């Protein structure tokens, strides 16, 4: 694009930007309808990554990419009134997704 000013000519170039790619991990859990909470822990440090209420159906959450390369997650479902035993799955590895491209609410 050329912009003409009094006696100066300015050349302004445009650069087409490529969309960003941001790889992260996706945890997708089809939980028991009676489960009321989900917890996700880093199994090495026992750091809590998720502690959330469940509304039934499929639960999805994005977590750091590092959990896509190692089986270092402990995922559990439980009910709030302790009527049922908690259920945990050890050694979970996340699915790799591009967070720019994927809508986890779908």
C-alpha atoms as a PDB file:
ATOM      1  CA  UNK A   1       0.000   0.000   0.000  1.00  0.00           C
ATOM      2  CA  UNK A   2       1.372   3.387  -0.932  1.00  0.00           C
ATOM      3  CA  UNK A   3       0.504   6.455   1.092  1.00  0.00           C
ATOM      4  CA  UNK A   4       1.305   9.791  -0.500  1.00  0.00           C
ATOM      5  CA  UNK A   5       1.976  12.755   1.749  1.00  0.00           C
ATOM      6  CA  UNK A   6       3.080  16.246   0.782  1.00  0.00           C
ATOM      7  CA  UNK A   7       6.453  15.352  -0.679  1.00  0.00           C
ATOM      8  CA  UNK A   8       7.042  11.985   0.973  1.00  0.00           C
ATOM      9  CA  UNK A   9       6.014   8.557  -0.167  1.00  0.00           C
ATOM     10  CA  UNK A  10       5.632   5.921   2.535  1.00  0.00           C
ATOM     11  CA  UNK A  11       5.520   2.229   1.662  1.00  0.00           C
ATOM     12  CA  UNK A  12       3.519   0.227   4.215  1.00  0.00           C
ATOM     13  CA  UNK A  13       3.807  -3.543   3.943  1.00  0.00           C
ATOM     14  CA  UNK A  14       1.312  -6.022   5.330  1.00  0.00           C
ATOM     15  CA  UNK A  15       2.322  -9.374   6.705  1.00  0.00           C
ATOM     16  CA  UNK A  16      -0.187 -12.198   6.814  1.00  0.00           C
ATOM     17  CA  UNK A  17      -0.080 -13.746  10.269  1.00  0.00           C
ATOM     18  CA  UNK A  18      -0.460 -17.492  10.602  1.00  0.00           C
ATOM     19  CA  UNK A  19      -2.881 -18.700  13.288  1.00  0.00           C
ATOM     20  CA  UNK A  20      -1.281 -19.670  16.561  1.00  0.00           C
ATOM     21  CA  UNK A  21      -1.031 -23.276  17.598  1.00  0.00           C
ATOM     22  CA  UNK A  22      -1.230 -24.066  21.296  1.00  0.00           C
ATOM     23  CA  UNK A  23      -1.032 -27.741  22.160  1.00  0.00           C
ATOM     24  CA  UNK A  24      -2.524 -28.743  25.508  1.00  0.00           C
ATOM     25  CA  UNK A  25      -4.008 -31.849  27.082  1.00  0.00           C
ATOM     26  CA  UNK A  26      -7.695 -32.730  27.082  1.00  0.00           C
ATOM     27  CA  UNK A  27      -9.251 -34.860  29.794  1.00  0.00           C
ATOM     28  CA  UNK A  28     -12.653 -36.207  28.811  1.00  0.00           C
ATOM     29  CA  UNK A  29     -14.597 -38.272  31.359  1.00  0.00           C
ATOM     30  CA  UNK A  30     -17.947 -39.986  30.850  1.00  0.00           C
ATOM     31  CA  UNK A  31     -18.774 -40.187  34.553  1.00  0.00           C
ATOM     32  CA  UNK A  32     -21.346 -42.278  36.359  1.00  0.00           C
ATOM     33  CA  UNK A  33     -24.620 -40.275  36.608  1.00  0.00           C
ATOM     34  CA  UNK A  34     -24.527 -40.694  40.404  1.00  0.00           C
ATOM     35  CA  UNK A  35     -21.081 -39.092  40.670  1.00  0.00           C
ATOM     36  CA  UNK A  36     -21.259 -35.572  42.035  1.00  0.00           C
ATOM     37  CA  UNK A  37     -17.601 -34.526  42.016  1.00  0.00           C
ATOM     38  CA  UNK A  38     -14.479 -35.146  39.978  1.00  0.00           C
ATOM     39  CA  UNK A  39     -10.917 -34.786  41.220  1.00  0.00           C
ATOM     40  CA  UNK A  40      -7.729 -34.881  39.194  1.00  0.00           C
ATOM     41  CA  UNK A  41      -4.366 -35.158  40.926  1.00  0.00           C
ATOM     42  CA  UNK A  42      -0.797 -35.171  39.743  1.00  0.00           C
ATOM     43  CA  UNK A  43       0.094 -38.639  40.997  1.00  0.00           C
ATOM     44  CA  UNK A  44       3.733 -37.768  41.773  1.00  0.00           C
ATOM     45  CA  UNK A  45       3.173 -34.626  43.848  1.00  0.00           C
ATOM     46  CA  UNK A  46      -0.513 -35.200  44.725  1.00  0.00           C
ATOM     47  CA  UNK A  47      -1.181 -31.622  43.618  1.00  0.00           C
ATOM     48  CA  UNK A  48      -4.872 -31.084  42.954  1.00  0.00           C
ATOM     49  CA  UNK A  49      -5.429 -29.993  39.351  1.00  0.00           C
ATOM     50  CA  UNK A  50      -9.229 -30.286  39.286  1.00  0.00           C
ATOM     51  CA  UNK A  51     -11.823 -30.451  42.051  1.00  0.00           C
ATOM     52  CA  UNK A  52     -15.168 -29.755  40.435  1.00  0.00           C
ATOM     53  CA  UNK A  53     -18.869 -30.562  40.641  1.00  0.00           C
ATOM     54  CA  UNK A  54     -20.273 -32.833  37.954  1.00  0.00           C
ATOM     55  CA  UNK A  55     -23.538 -32.013  36.230  1.00  0.00           C
ATOM     56  CA  UNK A  56     -23.897 -35.357  34.503  1.00  0.00           C
ATOM     57  CA  UNK A  57     -22.850 -36.277  31.004  1.00  0.00           C
ATOM     58  CA  UNK A  58     -19.370 -35.767  29.628  1.00  0.00           C
ATOM     59  CA  UNK A  59     -16.892 -33.733  31.683  1.00  0.00           C
ATOM     60  CA  UNK A  60     -14.092 -32.029  29.731  1.00  0.00           C
ATOM     61  CA  UNK A  61     -11.185 -29.955  30.961  1.00  0.00           C
ATOM     62  CA  UNK A  62      -7.969 -28.637  29.433  1.00  0.00           C
ATOM     63  CA  UNK A  63      -4.789 -29.306  31.402  1.00  0.00           C
ATOM     64  CA  UNK A  64      -1.087 -28.619  30.782  1.00  0.00           C
ATOM     65  CA  UNK A  65       0.626 -30.301  27.836  1.00  0.00           C
ATOM     66  CA  UNK A  66       3.070 -32.126  30.148  1.00  0.00           C
ATOM     67  CA  UNK A  67       0.291 -34.588  31.044  1.00  0.00           C
ATOM     68  CA  UNK A  68       0.045 -35.759  27.418  1.00  0.00           C
ATOM     69  CA  UNK A  69       3.496 -37.359  27.477  1.00  0.00           C
ATOM     70  CA  UNK A  70       3.402 -39.170  30.814  1.00  0.00           C
ATOM     71  CA  UNK A  71       0.873 -41.292  32.675  1.00  0.00           C
ATOM     72  CA  UNK A  72       0.998 -39.080  35.763  1.00  0.00           C
ATOM     73  CA  UNK A  73      -2.648 -38.349  36.515  1.00  0.00           C
ATOM     74  CA  UNK A  74      -4.979 -39.831  39.080  1.00  0.00           C
ATOM     75  CA  UNK A  75      -8.655 -39.210  38.181  1.00  0.00           C
ATOM     76  CA  UNK A  76     -11.477 -39.893  40.611  1.00  0.00           C
ATOM     77  CA  UNK A  77     -15.234 -39.550  40.843  1.00  0.00           C
ATOM     78  CA  UNK A  78     -17.180 -39.441  44.080  1.00  0.00           C
ATOM     79  CA  UNK A  79     -20.514 -38.480  45.580  1.00  0.00           C
ATOM     80  CA  UNK A  80     -20.807 -35.759  48.212  1.00  0.00           C
ATOM     81  CA  UNK A  81     -22.854 -37.704  50.775  1.00  0.00           C
ATOM     82  CA  UNK A  82     -20.528 -40.780  50.790  1.00  0.00           C
ATOM     83  CA  UNK A  83     -23.324 -43.191  49.807  1.00  0.00           C
ATOM     84  CA  UNK A  84     -21.059 -44.856  47.212  1.00  0.00           C
ATOM     85  CA  UNK A  85     -17.363 -45.695  47.195  1.00  0.00           C
ATOM     86  CA  UNK A  86     -15.115 -43.325  45.312  1.00  0.00           C
ATOM     87  CA  UNK A  87     -13.673 -44.667  42.052  1.00  0.00           C
ATOM     88  CA  UNK A  88     -10.200 -43.713  40.844  1.00  0.00           C
ATOM     89  CA  UNK A  89      -8.265 -44.432  37.691  1.00  0.00           C
ATOM     90  CA  UNK A  90      -4.491 -44.308  38.010  1.00  0.00           C
ATOM     91  CA  UNK A  91      -1.910 -43.597  35.322  1.00  0.00           C
ATOM     92  CA  UNK A  92      -4.084 -41.447  33.050  1.00  0.00           C
ATOM     93  CA  UNK A  93      -2.488 -39.758  30.018  1.00  0.00           C
ATOM     94  CA  UNK A  94      -4.258 -36.872  28.292  1.00  0.00           C
ATOM     95  CA  UNK A  95      -5.195 -36.513  24.647  1.00  0.00           C
ATOM     96  CA  UNK A  96      -3.191 -33.857  22.742  1.00  0.00           C
ATOM     97  CA  UNK A  97      -5.329 -31.082  21.246  1.00  0.00           C
ATOM     98  CA  UNK A  98      -4.769 -27.661  19.704  1.00  0.00           C
ATOM     99  CA  UNK A  99      -6.658 -25.379  22.083  1.00  0.00           C
ATOM    100  CA  UNK A 100      -7.064 -22.759  19.355  1.00  0.00           C
ATOM    101  CA  UNK A 101      -8.920 -25.225  17.084  1.00  0.00           C
ATOM    102  CA  UNK A 102     -11.037 -27.251  19.528  1.00  0.00           C
ATOM    103  CA  UNK A 103     -14.204 -26.175  21.346  1.00  0.00           C
ATOM    104  CA  UNK A 104     -14.372 -28.384  24.439  1.00  0.00           C
ATOM    105  CA  UNK A 105     -17.958 -27.341  25.161  1.00  0.00           C
ATOM    106  CA  UNK A 106     -19.220 -29.196  22.098  1.00  0.00           C
END
